């Protein structure tokens, strides 16, 4: 997890987040459909499972079956946002906020195993 400012687009942190992370495929939504990100994913030996944006001239192919499993991750983030302290970010310090996010992730993972 990487904590960024609220006005920063998620794709700006994507390179740092996936750096040195071995995986077979990376699943993301259309907001991450950028040539530079897709090329860095494929250069690391992973498959980019990112649907193309509607404004692409030549749409890329992606694994639709693997993309359907993305809803599990979306539901996980929805459960995290049920904790008011995370959704509204009451903590002033980033380290306190990230500590609580990690605790909530552990609680949710334990509860739904």
PDB file of N, CA and C in Angstrom:
ATOM      1  N   UNK A   1       0.836  -1.180   0.000  1.00  0.00           N
ATOM      2  CA  UNK A   1       0.000   0.000   0.000  1.00  0.00           C
ATOM      3  C   UNK A   1       0.875   1.236   0.000  1.00  0.00           C
ATOM      4  N   UNK A   2       0.442   2.219  -0.748  1.00  0.00           N
ATOM      5  CA  UNK A   2       1.120   3.503  -0.801  1.00  0.00           C
ATOM      6  C   UNK A   2       0.091   4.579  -0.495  1.00  0.00           C
ATOM      7  N   UNK A   3       0.443   5.473   0.382  1.00  0.00           N
ATOM      8  CA  UNK A   3      -0.436   6.583   0.727  1.00  0.00           C
ATOM      9  C   UNK A   3      -0.029   7.797  -0.097  1.00  0.00           C
ATOM     10  N   UNK A   4      -1.000   8.407  -0.772  1.00  0.00           N
ATOM     11  CA  UNK A   4      -0.723   9.584  -1.585  1.00  0.00           C
ATOM     12  C   UNK A   4      -1.719  10.675  -1.231  1.00  0.00           C
ATOM     13  N   UNK A   5      -1.490  11.859  -1.744  1.00  0.00           N
ATOM     14  CA  UNK A   5      -2.415  12.966  -1.516  1.00  0.00           C
ATOM     15  C   UNK A   5      -3.728  12.690  -2.237  1.00  0.00           C
ATOM     16  N   UNK A   6      -4.799  13.294  -1.780  1.00  0.00           N
ATOM     17  CA  UNK A   6      -6.117  13.047  -2.352  1.00  0.00           C
ATOM     18  C   UNK A   6      -6.260  13.508  -3.780  1.00  0.00           C
ATOM     19  N   UNK A   7      -5.505  14.532  -4.173  1.00  0.00           N
ATOM     20  CA  UNK A   7      -5.646  15.070  -5.520  1.00  0.00           C
ATOM     21  C   UNK A   7      -4.737  14.374  -6.530  1.00  0.00           C
ATOM     22  N   UNK A   8      -3.925  13.424  -6.099  1.00  0.00           N
ATOM     23  CA  UNK A   8      -3.011  12.719  -6.984  1.00  0.00           C
ATOM     24  C   UNK A   8      -3.741  11.547  -7.634  1.00  0.00           C
ATOM     25  N   UNK A   9      -3.587  11.417  -8.949  1.00  0.00           N
ATOM     26  CA  UNK A   9      -4.209  10.297  -9.662  1.00  0.00           C
ATOM     27  C   UNK A   9      -3.527   8.995  -9.266  1.00  0.00           C
ATOM     28  N   UNK A  10      -4.294   7.931  -9.205  1.00  0.00           N
ATOM     29  CA  UNK A  10      -3.769   6.633  -8.786  1.00  0.00           C
ATOM     30  C   UNK A  10      -2.702   6.100  -9.727  1.00  0.00           C
ATOM     31  N   UNK A  11      -2.815   6.422 -10.996  1.00  0.00           N
ATOM     32  CA  UNK A  11      -1.864   5.887 -11.966  1.00  0.00           C
ATOM     33  C   UNK A  11      -0.461   6.448 -11.744  1.00  0.00           C
ATOM     34  N   UNK A  12      -0.338   7.595 -11.105  1.00  0.00           N
ATOM     35  CA  UNK A  12       0.982   8.168 -10.837  1.00  0.00           C
ATOM     36  C   UNK A  12       1.763   7.336  -9.828  1.00  0.00           C
ATOM     37  N   UNK A  13       1.080   6.634  -8.946  1.00  0.00           N
ATOM     38  CA  UNK A  13       1.735   5.795  -7.940  1.00  0.00           C
ATOM     39  C   UNK A  13       1.853   4.340  -8.382  1.00  0.00           C
ATOM     40  N   UNK A  14       1.272   4.011  -9.510  1.00  0.00           N
ATOM     41  CA  UNK A  14       1.217   2.612  -9.944  1.00  0.00           C
ATOM     42  C   UNK A  14       2.602   2.021 -10.186  1.00  0.00           C
ATOM     43  N   UNK A  15       3.506   2.780 -10.796  1.00  0.00           N
ATOM     44  CA  UNK A  15       4.850   2.263 -11.063  1.00  0.00           C
ATOM     45  C   UNK A  15       5.564   1.912  -9.764  1.00  0.00           C
ATOM     46  N   UNK A  16       5.458   2.771  -8.760  1.00  0.00           N
ATOM     47  CA  UNK A  16       6.103   2.500  -7.470  1.00  0.00           C
ATOM     48  C   UNK A  16       5.471   1.310  -6.763  1.00  0.00           C
ATOM     49  N   UNK A  17       4.179   1.154  -6.932  1.00  0.00           N
ATOM     50  CA  UNK A  17       3.462   0.081  -6.245  1.00  0.00           C
ATOM     51  C   UNK A  17       3.798  -1.297  -6.810  1.00  0.00           C
ATOM     52  N   UNK A  18       3.985  -1.386  -8.112  1.00  0.00           N
ATOM     53  CA  UNK A  18       4.224  -2.700  -8.721  1.00  0.00           C
ATOM     54  C   UNK A  18       5.703  -3.012  -8.903  1.00  0.00           C
ATOM     55  N   UNK A  19       6.560  -2.070  -8.562  1.00  0.00           N
ATOM     56  CA  UNK A  19       8.000  -2.298  -8.720  1.00  0.00           C
ATOM     57  C   UNK A  19       8.454  -3.443  -7.813  1.00  0.00           C
ATOM     58  N   UNK A  20       9.230  -4.343  -8.361  1.00  0.00           N
ATOM     59  CA  UNK A  20       9.796  -5.480  -7.623  1.00  0.00           C
ATOM     60  C   UNK A  20       8.729  -6.376  -7.014  1.00  0.00           C
ATOM     61  N   UNK A  21       7.566  -6.466  -7.635  1.00  0.00           N
ATOM     62  CA  UNK A  21       6.507  -7.348  -7.160  1.00  0.00           C
ATOM     63  C   UNK A  21       6.310  -8.460  -8.185  1.00  0.00           C
ATOM     64  N   UNK A  22       6.780  -9.665  -7.881  1.00  0.00           N
ATOM     65  CA  UNK A  22       6.616 -10.745  -8.855  1.00  0.00           C
ATOM     66  C   UNK A  22       5.159 -11.206  -8.926  1.00  0.00           C
ATOM     67  N   UNK A  23       4.630 -11.278 -10.140  1.00  0.00           N
ATOM     68  CA  UNK A  23       3.267 -11.767 -10.326  1.00  0.00           C
ATOM     69  C   UNK A  23       3.129 -12.277 -11.759  1.00  0.00           C
ATOM     70  N   UNK A  24       2.119 -13.085 -11.970  1.00  0.00           N
ATOM     71  CA  UNK A  24       1.866 -13.620 -13.310  1.00  0.00           C
ATOM     72  C   UNK A  24       0.991 -12.676 -14.124  1.00  0.00           C
ATOM     73  N   UNK A  25       0.068 -11.993 -13.443  1.00  0.00           N
ATOM     74  CA  UNK A  25      -0.792 -11.030 -14.132  1.00  0.00           C
ATOM     75  C   UNK A  25      -1.177  -9.920 -13.166  1.00  0.00           C
ATOM     76  N   UNK A  26      -1.466  -8.762 -13.721  1.00  0.00           N
ATOM     77  CA  UNK A  26      -1.878  -7.613 -12.933  1.00  0.00           C
ATOM     78  C   UNK A  26      -3.232  -7.166 -13.446  1.00  0.00           C
ATOM     79  N   UNK A  27      -4.223  -7.151 -12.572  1.00  0.00           N
ATOM     80  CA  UNK A  27      -5.593  -6.801 -12.938  1.00  0.00           C
ATOM     81  C   UNK A  27      -5.871  -5.380 -12.461  1.00  0.00           C
ATOM     82  N   UNK A  28      -6.352  -4.534 -13.362  1.00  0.00           N
ATOM     83  CA  UNK A  28      -6.679  -3.155 -13.024  1.00  0.00           C
ATOM     84  C   UNK A  28      -7.837  -2.683 -13.901  1.00  0.00           C
ATOM     85  N   UNK A  29      -8.422  -1.543 -13.519  1.00  0.00           N
ATOM     86  CA  UNK A  29      -9.536  -1.025 -14.301  1.00  0.00           C
ATOM     87  C   UNK A  29      -9.046  -0.100 -15.414  1.00  0.00           C
ATOM     88  N   UNK A  30      -9.987   0.489 -16.146  1.00  0.00           N
ATOM     89  CA  UNK A  30      -9.652   1.295 -17.322  1.00  0.00           C
ATOM     90  C   UNK A  30      -8.815   2.522 -16.993  1.00  0.00           C
ATOM     91  N   UNK A  31      -8.868   2.989 -15.764  1.00  0.00           N
ATOM     92  CA  UNK A  31      -8.094   4.156 -15.376  1.00  0.00           C
ATOM     93  C   UNK A  31      -6.600   3.934 -15.451  1.00  0.00           C
ATOM     94  N   UNK A  32      -6.172   2.690 -15.469  1.00  0.00           N
ATOM     95  CA  UNK A  32      -4.747   2.349 -15.532  1.00  0.00           C
ATOM     96  C   UNK A  32      -4.307   1.976 -16.942  1.00  0.00           C
ATOM     97  N   UNK A  33      -5.132   2.238 -17.925  1.00  0.00           N
ATOM     98  CA  UNK A  33      -4.805   1.903 -19.309  1.00  0.00           C
ATOM     99  C   UNK A  33      -3.917   3.000 -19.900  1.00  0.00           C
ATOM    100  N   UNK A  34      -2.625   2.883 -19.647  1.00  0.00           N
ATOM    101  CA  UNK A  34      -1.635   3.798 -20.218  1.00  0.00           C
ATOM    102  C   UNK A  34      -0.526   2.948 -20.822  1.00  0.00           C
ATOM    103  N   UNK A  35      -0.044   3.355 -21.959  1.00  0.00           N
ATOM    104  CA  UNK A  35       0.976   2.569 -22.658  1.00  0.00           C
ATOM    105  C   UNK A  35       2.215   2.348 -21.797  1.00  0.00           C
ATOM    106  N   UNK A  36       2.652   3.369 -21.087  1.00  0.00           N
ATOM    107  CA  UNK A  36       3.866   3.245 -20.274  1.00  0.00           C
ATOM    108  C   UNK A  36       3.680   2.209 -19.167  1.00  0.00           C
ATOM    109  N   UNK A  37       2.528   2.212 -18.514  1.00  0.00           N
ATOM    110  CA  UNK A  37       2.273   1.250 -17.441  1.00  0.00           C
ATOM    111  C   UNK A  37       2.150  -0.161 -17.985  1.00  0.00           C
ATOM    112  N   UNK A  38       1.437  -0.320 -19.080  1.00  0.00           N
ATOM    113  CA  UNK A  38       1.264  -1.648 -19.682  1.00  0.00           C
ATOM    114  C   UNK A  38       2.612  -2.200 -20.134  1.00  0.00           C
ATOM    115  N   UNK A  39       3.449  -1.343 -20.700  1.00  0.00           N
ATOM    116  CA  UNK A  39       4.769  -1.800 -21.149  1.00  0.00           C
ATOM    117  C   UNK A  39       5.655  -2.184 -19.967  1.00  0.00           C
ATOM    118  N   UNK A  40       5.570  -1.457 -18.866  1.00  0.00           N
ATOM    119  CA  UNK A  40       6.386  -1.823 -17.703  1.00  0.00           C
ATOM    120  C   UNK A  40       5.892  -3.117 -17.064  1.00  0.00           C
ATOM    121  N   UNK A  41       4.593  -3.360 -17.103  1.00  0.00           N
ATOM    122  CA  UNK A  41       4.045  -4.620 -16.576  1.00  0.00           C
ATOM    123  C   UNK A  41       4.535  -5.783 -17.430  1.00  0.00           C
ATOM    124  N   UNK A  42       4.442  -5.623 -18.730  1.00  0.00           N
ATOM    125  CA  UNK A  42       4.862  -6.695 -19.628  1.00  0.00           C
ATOM    126  C   UNK A  42       6.378  -6.881 -19.616  1.00  0.00           C
ATOM    127  N   UNK A  43       7.141  -5.823 -19.358  1.00  0.00           N
ATOM    128  CA  UNK A  43       8.600  -5.941 -19.270  1.00  0.00           C
ATOM    129  C   UNK A  43       9.013  -6.740 -18.039  1.00  0.00           C
ATOM    130  N   UNK A  44       8.189  -6.713 -17.006  1.00  0.00           N
ATOM    131  CA  UNK A  44       8.492  -7.489 -15.805  1.00  0.00           C
ATOM    132  C   UNK A  44       8.092  -8.956 -15.956  1.00  0.00           C
ATOM    133  N   UNK A  45       7.476  -9.308 -17.074  1.00  0.00           N
ATOM    134  CA  UNK A  45       7.110 -10.696 -17.332  1.00  0.00           C
ATOM    135  C   UNK A  45       5.686 -11.041 -16.935  1.00  0.00           C
ATOM    136  N   UNK A  46       4.910 -10.053 -16.563  1.00  0.00           N
ATOM    137  CA  UNK A  46       3.525 -10.283 -16.165  1.00  0.00           C
ATOM    138  C   UNK A  46       2.588  -9.906 -17.307  1.00  0.00           C
ATOM    139  N   UNK A  47       1.360 -10.389 -17.205  1.00  0.00           N
ATOM    140  CA  UNK A  47       0.341 -10.078 -18.198  1.00  0.00           C
ATOM    141  C   UNK A  47      -0.512  -8.937 -17.657  1.00  0.00           C
ATOM    142  N   UNK A  48      -0.747  -7.909 -18.460  1.00  0.00           N
ATOM    143  CA  UNK A  48      -1.597  -6.781 -18.065  1.00  0.00           C
ATOM    144  C   UNK A  48      -3.044  -7.104 -18.397  1.00  0.00           C
ATOM    145  N   UNK A  49      -3.873  -7.256 -17.379  1.00  0.00           N
ATOM    146  CA  UNK A  49      -5.299  -7.521 -17.559  1.00  0.00           C
ATOM    147  C   UNK A  49      -6.018  -6.205 -17.274  1.00  0.00           C
ATOM    148  N   UNK A  50      -5.957  -5.314 -18.256  1.00  0.00           N
ATOM    149  CA  UNK A  50      -6.543  -3.986 -18.138  1.00  0.00           C
ATOM    150  C   UNK A  50      -7.388  -3.754 -19.384  1.00  0.00           C
ATOM    151  N   UNK A  51      -8.686  -3.530 -19.240  1.00  0.00           N
ATOM    152  CA  UNK A  51      -9.498  -3.285 -20.432  1.00  0.00           C
ATOM    153  C   UNK A  51      -9.116  -1.951 -21.074  1.00  0.00           C
ATOM    154  N   UNK A  52      -9.183  -1.879 -22.396  1.00  0.00           N
ATOM    155  CA  UNK A  52      -8.801  -0.633 -23.063  1.00  0.00           C
ATOM    156  C   UNK A  52      -9.864   0.448 -22.880  1.00  0.00           C
ATOM    157  N   UNK A  53      -9.416   1.683 -22.869  1.00  0.00           N
ATOM    158  CA  UNK A  53     -10.351   2.804 -22.821  1.00  0.00           C
ATOM    159  C   UNK A  53     -11.111   2.888 -24.140  1.00  0.00           C
ATOM    160  N   UNK A  54     -12.232   3.553 -24.105  1.00  0.00           N
ATOM    161  CA  UNK A  54     -13.060   3.635 -25.310  1.00  0.00           C
ATOM    162  C   UNK A  54     -12.444   4.531 -26.373  1.00  0.00           C
ATOM    163  N   UNK A  55     -11.505   5.409 -26.010  1.00  0.00           N
ATOM    164  CA  UNK A  55     -10.933   6.313 -26.997  1.00  0.00           C
ATOM    165  C   UNK A  55      -9.673   5.765 -27.668  1.00  0.00           C
ATOM    166  N   UNK A  56      -9.311   4.523 -27.399  1.00  0.00           N
ATOM    167  CA  UNK A  56      -8.150   3.914 -28.071  1.00  0.00           C
ATOM    168  C   UNK A  56      -8.490   3.630 -29.522  1.00  0.00           C
ATOM    169  N   UNK A  57      -7.532   3.929 -30.393  1.00  0.00           N
ATOM    170  CA  UNK A  57      -7.739   3.679 -31.824  1.00  0.00           C
ATOM    171  C   UNK A  57      -7.696   2.182 -32.103  1.00  0.00           C
ATOM    172  N   UNK A  58      -6.691   1.511 -31.551  1.00  0.00           N
ATOM    173  CA  UNK A  58      -6.601   0.050 -31.680  1.00  0.00           C
ATOM    174  C   UNK A  58      -6.679  -0.551 -30.277  1.00  0.00           C
ATOM    175  N   UNK A  59      -7.826  -1.103 -29.914  1.00  0.00           N
ATOM    176  CA  UNK A  59      -7.987  -1.662 -28.570  1.00  0.00           C
ATOM    177  C   UNK A  59      -7.076  -2.868 -28.341  1.00  0.00           C
ATOM    178  N   UNK A  60      -6.534  -2.960 -27.134  1.00  0.00           N
ATOM    179  CA  UNK A  60      -5.710  -4.107 -26.759  1.00  0.00           C
ATOM    180  C   UNK A  60      -6.624  -5.256 -26.346  1.00  0.00           C
ATOM    181  N   UNK A  61      -6.106  -6.461 -26.436  1.00  0.00           N
ATOM    182  CA  UNK A  61      -6.841  -7.627 -25.969  1.00  0.00           C
ATOM    183  C   UNK A  61      -6.465  -7.892 -24.513  1.00  0.00           C
ATOM    184  N   UNK A  62      -7.422  -8.378 -23.739  1.00  0.00           N
ATOM    185  CA  UNK A  62      -7.180  -8.701 -22.337  1.00  0.00           C
ATOM    186  C   UNK A  62      -8.014  -9.921 -21.967  1.00  0.00           C
ATOM    187  N   UNK A  63      -7.649 -10.561 -20.891  1.00  0.00           N
ATOM    188  CA  UNK A  63      -8.319 -11.775 -20.428  1.00  0.00           C
ATOM    189  C   UNK A  63      -9.585 -11.384 -19.660  1.00  0.00           C
ATOM    190  N   UNK A  64     -10.738 -11.554 -20.295  1.00  0.00           N
ATOM    191  CA  UNK A  64     -12.004 -11.152 -19.675  1.00  0.00           C
ATOM    192  C   UNK A  64     -12.349 -12.003 -18.453  1.00  0.00           C
ATOM    193  N   UNK A  65     -11.983 -13.257 -18.468  1.00  0.00           N
ATOM    194  CA  UNK A  65     -12.270 -14.130 -17.313  1.00  0.00           C
ATOM    195  C   UNK A  65     -11.483 -13.685 -16.088  1.00  0.00           C
ATOM    196  N   UNK A  66     -10.228 -13.339 -16.284  1.00  0.00           N
ATOM    197  CA  UNK A  66      -9.416 -12.858 -15.158  1.00  0.00           C
ATOM    198  C   UNK A  66      -9.913 -11.498 -14.678  1.00  0.00           C
ATOM    199  N   UNK A  67     -10.401 -10.671 -15.587  1.00  0.00           N
ATOM    200  CA  UNK A  67     -10.891  -9.344 -15.201  1.00  0.00           C
ATOM    201  C   UNK A  67     -12.162  -9.437 -14.369  1.00  0.00           C
ATOM    202  N   UNK A  68     -12.970 -10.465 -14.592  1.00  0.00           N
ATOM    203  CA  UNK A  68     -14.203 -10.634 -13.808  1.00  0.00           C
ATOM    204  C   UNK A  68     -13.914 -10.855 -12.323  1.00  0.00           C
ATOM    205  N   UNK A  69     -12.772 -11.436 -12.029  1.00  0.00           N
ATOM    206  CA  UNK A  69     -12.412 -11.691 -10.626  1.00  0.00           C
ATOM    207  C   UNK A  69     -12.045 -10.403  -9.889  1.00  0.00           C
ATOM    208  N   UNK A  70     -11.920  -9.291 -10.612  1.00  0.00           N
ATOM    209  CA  UNK A  70     -11.584  -8.016  -9.995  1.00  0.00           C
ATOM    210  C   UNK A  70     -12.645  -7.557  -9.007  1.00  0.00           C
ATOM    211  N   UNK A  71     -13.862  -8.032  -9.153  1.00  0.00           N
ATOM    212  CA  UNK A  71     -14.919  -7.600  -8.240  1.00  0.00           C
ATOM    213  C   UNK A  71     -14.645  -8.033  -6.803  1.00  0.00           C
ATOM    214  N   UNK A  72     -13.875  -9.082  -6.600  1.00  0.00           N
ATOM    215  CA  UNK A  72     -13.503  -9.474  -5.239  1.00  0.00           C
ATOM    216  C   UNK A  72     -12.674  -8.388  -4.566  1.00  0.00           C
ATOM    217  N   UNK A  73     -11.777  -7.800  -5.316  1.00  0.00           N
ATOM    218  CA  UNK A  73     -10.942  -6.736  -4.784  1.00  0.00           C
ATOM    219  C   UNK A  73     -11.778  -5.487  -4.542  1.00  0.00           C
ATOM    220  N   UNK A  74     -12.697  -5.178  -5.442  1.00  0.00           N
ATOM    221  CA  UNK A  74     -13.569  -4.021  -5.263  1.00  0.00           C
ATOM    222  C   UNK A  74     -14.442  -4.183  -4.026  1.00  0.00           C
ATOM    223  N   UNK A  75     -14.936  -5.394  -3.782  1.00  0.00           N
ATOM    224  CA  UNK A  75     -15.743  -5.627  -2.580  1.00  0.00           C
ATOM    225  C   UNK A  75     -14.906  -5.505  -1.319  1.00  0.00           C
ATOM    226  N   UNK A  76     -13.631  -5.902  -1.399  1.00  0.00           N
ATOM    227  CA  UNK A  76     -12.738  -5.760  -0.256  1.00  0.00           C
ATOM    228  C   UNK A  76     -12.539  -4.279   0.088  1.00  0.00           C
ATOM    229  N   UNK A  77     -12.303  -3.442  -0.919  1.00  0.00           N
ATOM    230  CA  UNK A  77     -12.151  -2.008  -0.668  1.00  0.00           C
ATOM    231  C   UNK A  77     -13.453  -1.395  -0.157  1.00  0.00           C
ATOM    232  N   UNK A  78     -14.580  -1.905  -0.607  1.00  0.00           N
ATOM    233  CA  UNK A  78     -15.862  -1.418  -0.098  1.00  0.00           C
ATOM    234  C   UNK A  78     -16.000  -1.730   1.393  1.00  0.00           C
ATOM    235  N   UNK A  79     -15.548  -2.905   1.810  1.00  0.00           N
ATOM    236  CA  UNK A  79     -15.607  -3.249   3.232  1.00  0.00           C
ATOM    237  C   UNK A  79     -14.675  -2.372   4.056  1.00  0.00           C
ATOM    238  N   UNK A  80     -13.526  -2.029   3.502  1.00  0.00           N
ATOM    239  CA  UNK A  80     -12.595  -1.148   4.211  1.00  0.00           C
ATOM    240  C   UNK A  80     -13.237   0.220   4.440  1.00  0.00           C
ATOM    241  N   UNK A  81     -13.962   0.711   3.466  1.00  0.00           N
ATOM    242  CA  UNK A  81     -14.569   2.035   3.568  1.00  0.00           C
ATOM    243  C   UNK A  81     -15.730   2.080   4.553  1.00  0.00           C
ATOM    244  N   UNK A  82     -16.188   0.939   5.032  1.00  0.00           N
ATOM    245  CA  UNK A  82     -17.239   0.924   6.039  1.00  0.00           C
ATOM    246  C   UNK A  82     -16.728   1.426   7.390  1.00  0.00           C
ATOM    247  N   UNK A  83     -15.417   1.396   7.572  1.00  0.00           N
ATOM    248  CA  UNK A  83     -14.830   1.920   8.795  1.00  0.00           C
ATOM    249  C   UNK A  83     -14.695   3.432   8.645  1.00  0.00           C
ATOM    250  N   UNK A  84     -15.433   4.146   9.465  1.00  0.00           N
ATOM    251  CA  UNK A  84     -15.524   5.596   9.326  1.00  0.00           C
ATOM    252  C   UNK A  84     -14.168   6.288   9.452  1.00  0.00           C
ATOM    253  N   UNK A  85     -13.335   5.767  10.285  1.00  0.00           N
ATOM    254  CA  UNK A  85     -12.025   6.373  10.506  1.00  0.00           C
ATOM    255  C   UNK A  85     -11.177   6.355   9.231  1.00  0.00           C
ATOM    256  N   UNK A  86     -11.368   5.353   8.395  1.00  0.00           N
ATOM    257  CA  UNK A  86     -10.622   5.277   7.139  1.00  0.00           C
ATOM    258  C   UNK A  86     -11.289   6.127   6.064  1.00  0.00           C
ATOM    259  N   UNK A  87     -12.601   6.043   5.979  1.00  0.00           N
ATOM    260  CA  UNK A  87     -13.315   6.766   4.924  1.00  0.00           C
ATOM    261  C   UNK A  87     -13.150   8.278   5.052  1.00  0.00           C
ATOM    262  N   UNK A  88     -13.089   8.789   6.277  1.00  0.00           N
ATOM    263  CA  UNK A  88     -12.992  10.235   6.473  1.00  0.00           C
ATOM    264  C   UNK A  88     -11.598  10.703   6.844  1.00  0.00           C
ATOM    265  N   UNK A  89     -10.696   9.793   7.115  1.00  0.00           N
ATOM    266  CA  UNK A  89      -9.302  10.065   7.466  1.00  0.00           C
ATOM    267  C   UNK A  89      -9.179  11.089   8.588  1.00  0.00           C
ATOM    268  N   UNK A  90      -9.532  10.640   9.780  1.00  0.00           N
ATOM    269  CA  UNK A  90      -9.419  11.490  10.958  1.00  0.00           C
ATOM    270  C   UNK A  90      -7.980  11.649  11.437  1.00  0.00           C
ATOM    271  N   UNK A  91      -7.125  10.684  11.161  1.00  0.00           N
ATOM    272  CA  UNK A  91      -5.750  10.731  11.652  1.00  0.00           C
ATOM    273  C   UNK A  91      -4.964  11.831  10.951  1.00  0.00           C
ATOM    274  N   UNK A  92      -4.171  12.563  11.728  1.00  0.00           N
ATOM    275  CA  UNK A  92      -3.355  13.633  11.159  1.00  0.00           C
ATOM    276  C   UNK A  92      -2.067  13.093  10.553  1.00  0.00           C
ATOM    277  N   UNK A  93      -1.498  12.063  11.168  1.00  0.00           N
ATOM    278  CA  UNK A  93      -0.229  11.509  10.706  1.00  0.00           C
ATOM    279  C   UNK A  93      -0.459  10.351   9.741  1.00  0.00           C
ATOM    280  N   UNK A  94       0.354  10.309   8.718  1.00  0.00           N
ATOM    281  CA  UNK A  94       0.233   9.244   7.715  1.00  0.00           C
ATOM    282  C   UNK A  94       0.532   7.879   8.325  1.00  0.00           C
ATOM    283  N   UNK A  95       1.500   7.814   9.251  1.00  0.00           N
ATOM    284  CA  UNK A  95       1.847   6.515   9.840  1.00  0.00           C
ATOM    285  C   UNK A  95       0.696   5.974  10.697  1.00  0.00           C
ATOM    286  N   UNK A  96      -0.023   6.842  11.376  1.00  0.00           N
ATOM    287  CA  UNK A  96      -1.180   6.395  12.174  1.00  0.00           C
ATOM    288  C   UNK A  96      -2.301   5.896  11.268  1.00  0.00           C
ATOM    289  N   UNK A  97      -2.537   6.619  10.194  1.00  0.00           N
ATOM    290  CA  UNK A  97      -3.578   6.236   9.246  1.00  0.00           C
ATOM    291  C   UNK A  97      -3.260   4.891   8.598  1.00  0.00           C
ATOM    292  N   UNK A  98      -2.022   4.720   8.129  1.00  0.00           N
ATOM    293  CA  UNK A  98      -1.640   3.467   7.480  1.00  0.00           C
ATOM    294  C   UNK A  98      -1.671   2.298   8.458  1.00  0.00           C
ATOM    295  N   UNK A  99      -1.337   2.548   9.712  1.00  0.00           N
ATOM    296  CA  UNK A  99      -1.401   1.483  10.712  1.00  0.00           C
ATOM    297  C   UNK A  99      -2.836   1.009  10.881  1.00  0.00           C
ATOM    298  N   UNK A 100      -3.776   1.945  10.942  1.00  0.00           N
ATOM    299  CA  UNK A 100      -5.173   1.549  11.093  1.00  0.00           C
ATOM    300  C   UNK A 100      -5.687   0.861   9.839  1.00  0.00           C
ATOM    301  N   UNK A 101      -5.250   1.298   8.667  1.00  0.00           N
ATOM    302  CA  UNK A 101      -5.653   0.631   7.422  1.00  0.00           C
ATOM    303  C   UNK A 101      -5.179  -0.818   7.430  1.00  0.00           C
ATOM    304  N   UNK A 102      -3.959  -1.039   7.869  1.00  0.00           N
ATOM    305  CA  UNK A 102      -3.432  -2.408   7.927  1.00  0.00           C
ATOM    306  C   UNK A 102      -4.185  -3.262   8.940  1.00  0.00           C
ATOM    307  N   UNK A 103      -4.542  -2.677  10.063  1.00  0.00           N
ATOM    308  CA  UNK A 103      -5.319  -3.420  11.069  1.00  0.00           C
ATOM    309  C   UNK A 103      -6.678  -3.804  10.489  1.00  0.00           C
ATOM    310  N   UNK A 104      -7.340  -2.871   9.829  1.00  0.00           N
ATOM    311  CA  UNK A 104      -8.652  -3.151   9.244  1.00  0.00           C
ATOM    312  C   UNK A 104      -8.538  -4.215   8.162  1.00  0.00           C
ATOM    313  N   UNK A 105      -7.499  -4.159   7.344  1.00  0.00           N
ATOM    314  CA  UNK A 105      -7.298  -5.183   6.309  1.00  0.00           C
ATOM    315  C   UNK A 105      -7.125  -6.563   6.935  1.00  0.00           C
ATOM    316  N   UNK A 106      -6.385  -6.623   8.034  1.00  0.00           N
ATOM    317  CA  UNK A 106      -6.191  -7.899   8.719  1.00  0.00           C
ATOM    318  C   UNK A 106      -7.503  -8.408   9.310  1.00  0.00           C
ATOM    319  N   UNK A 107      -8.284  -7.514   9.905  1.00  0.00           N
ATOM    320  CA  UNK A 107      -9.572  -7.917  10.495  1.00  0.00           C
ATOM    321  C   UNK A 107     -10.521  -8.428   9.422  1.00  0.00           C
ATOM    322  N   UNK A 108     -10.602  -7.707   8.315  1.00  0.00           N
ATOM    323  CA  UNK A 108     -11.502  -8.124   7.225  1.00  0.00           C
ATOM    324  C   UNK A 108     -11.042  -9.441   6.624  1.00  0.00           C
ATOM    325  N   UNK A 109      -9.737  -9.600   6.427  1.00  0.00           N
ATOM    326  CA  UNK A 109      -9.225 -10.847   5.869  1.00  0.00           C
ATOM    327  C   UNK A 109      -9.502 -12.022   6.796  1.00  0.00           C
ATOM    328  N   UNK A 110      -9.358 -11.814   8.087  1.00  0.00           N
ATOM    329  CA  UNK A 110      -9.615 -12.877   9.053  1.00  0.00           C
ATOM    330  C   UNK A 110     -11.096 -13.213   9.115  1.00  0.00           C
ATOM    331  N   UNK A 111     -11.939 -12.205   9.051  1.00  0.00           N
ATOM    332  CA  UNK A 111     -13.379 -12.403   9.172  1.00  0.00           C
ATOM    333  C   UNK A 111     -13.966 -13.161   7.977  1.00  0.00           C
ATOM    334  N   UNK A 112     -13.461 -12.906   6.783  1.00  0.00           N
ATOM    335  CA  UNK A 112     -14.038 -13.502   5.578  1.00  0.00           C
ATOM    336  C   UNK A 112     -13.222 -14.657   5.020  1.00  0.00           C
ATOM    337  N   UNK A 113     -12.363 -15.246   5.806  1.00  0.00           N
ATOM    338  CA  UNK A 113     -11.576 -16.387   5.326  1.00  0.00           C
ATOM    339  C   UNK A 113     -12.390 -17.639   5.339  1.00  0.00           C
TER     340      UNK A 113
END
